[in-house]
Amino acid sequence: MAEQAVDDGEDEQEVERAHLEGLEDGCGCAEVWEHLSDEEDVEDAGEGQSTE
């Protein structure tokens, strides 16, 4: 039963870090902010498109 709690925690960490995929190990704050900003720009660009 304790193993399941550990597994659930690992899954949550993966989800929490999924938005950081594509960043190199050891990158700094500026690189993280740039990466997140680029992802947000892509999401914002897709919101205005019509699917009709």
C-alpha atoms as a PDB file:
ATOM      1  CA  MET A   1       0.000   0.000   0.000  1.00  0.00           C
ATOM      2  CA  ALA A   2       2.886   2.365   0.725  1.00  0.00           C
ATOM      3  CA  GLU A   3       4.258   1.644  -2.750  1.00  0.00           C
ATOM      4  CA  GLN A   4       1.081   2.967  -4.344  1.00  0.00           C
ATOM      5  CA  ALA A   5       1.467   6.272  -2.495  1.00  0.00           C
ATOM      6  CA  VAL A   6       5.018   6.564  -3.813  1.00  0.00           C
ATOM      7  CA  ASP A   7       3.889   5.782  -7.372  1.00  0.00           C
ATOM      8  CA  ASP A   8       1.112   8.386  -7.176  1.00  0.00           C
ATOM      9  CA  GLY A   9       3.630  10.986  -6.043  1.00  0.00           C
ATOM     10  CA  GLU A  10       5.916  10.179  -8.957  1.00  0.00           C
ATOM     11  CA  ASP A  11       3.025  10.567 -11.431  1.00  0.00           C
ATOM     12  CA  GLU A  12       2.155  13.958  -9.931  1.00  0.00           C
ATOM     13  CA  GLN A  13       5.775  15.103 -10.275  1.00  0.00           C
ATOM     14  CA  GLU A  14       5.774  14.085 -13.931  1.00  0.00           C
ATOM     15  CA  VAL A  15       2.619  16.115 -14.547  1.00  0.00           C
ATOM     16  CA  GLU A  16       4.002  19.096 -12.649  1.00  0.00           C
ATOM     17  CA  ARG A  17       7.161  19.000 -14.778  1.00  0.00           C
ATOM     18  CA  ALA A  18       5.572  18.203 -18.141  1.00  0.00           C
ATOM     19  CA  HIS A  19       5.565  21.896 -19.112  1.00  0.00           C
ATOM     20  CA  LEU A  20       9.360  21.932 -18.739  1.00  0.00           C
ATOM     21  CA  GLU A  21      10.013  19.265 -21.368  1.00  0.00           C
ATOM     22  CA  GLY A  22      12.406  20.515 -23.993  1.00  0.00           C
ATOM     23  CA  LEU A  23      14.576  22.447 -21.553  1.00  0.00           C
ATOM     24  CA  GLU A  24      18.175  21.401 -21.155  1.00  0.00           C
ATOM     25  CA  ASP A  25      19.473  20.351 -17.756  1.00  0.00           C
ATOM     26  CA  GLY A  26      21.188  23.237 -16.036  1.00  0.00           C
ATOM     27  CA  CYS A  27      19.371  26.012 -17.871  1.00  0.00           C
ATOM     28  CA  GLY A  28      18.798  29.232 -15.973  1.00  0.00           C
ATOM     29  CA  CYS A  29      15.770  31.313 -15.080  1.00  0.00           C
ATOM     30  CA  ALA A  30      15.855  33.289 -18.330  1.00  0.00           C
ATOM     31  CA  GLU A  31      15.680  30.118 -20.416  1.00  0.00           C
ATOM     32  CA  VAL A  32      12.763  28.780 -18.368  1.00  0.00           C
ATOM     33  CA  TRP A  33      10.813  32.037 -18.707  1.00  0.00           C
ATOM     34  CA  GLU A  34      11.520  32.179 -22.441  1.00  0.00           C
ATOM     35  CA  HIS A  35      10.366  28.575 -22.905  1.00  0.00           C
ATOM     36  CA  LEU A  36       7.148  29.149 -20.945  1.00  0.00           C
ATOM     37  CA  SER A  37       6.474  32.410 -22.764  1.00  0.00           C
ATOM     38  CA  ASP A  38       6.925  30.734 -26.150  1.00  0.00           C
ATOM     39  CA  GLU A  39       4.465  27.984 -25.170  1.00  0.00           C
ATOM     40  CA  GLU A  40       1.940  30.587 -24.016  1.00  0.00           C
ATOM     41  CA  ASP A  41       2.295  32.505 -27.310  1.00  0.00           C
ATOM     42  CA  VAL A  42       1.536  29.324 -29.267  1.00  0.00           C
ATOM     43  CA  GLU A  43      -1.544  28.622 -27.140  1.00  0.00           C
ATOM     44  CA  ASP A  44      -2.770  32.211 -27.513  1.00  0.00           C
ATOM     45  CA  ALA A  45      -2.347  32.075 -31.301  1.00  0.00           C
ATOM     46  CA  GLY A  46      -4.531  28.943 -31.489  1.00  0.00           C
ATOM     47  CA  GLU A  47      -7.402  30.439 -29.487  1.00  0.00           C
ATOM     48  CA  GLY A  48      -8.441  32.890 -32.188  1.00  0.00           C
ATOM     49  CA  GLN A  49      -8.717  30.298 -34.929  1.00  0.00           C
ATOM     50  CA  SER A  50     -12.115  29.057 -35.973  1.00  0.00           C
ATOM     51  CA  THR A  51     -12.773  25.332 -36.487  1.00  0.00           C
ATOM     52  CA  GLU A  52     -15.690  25.905 -38.889  1.00  0.00           C
END
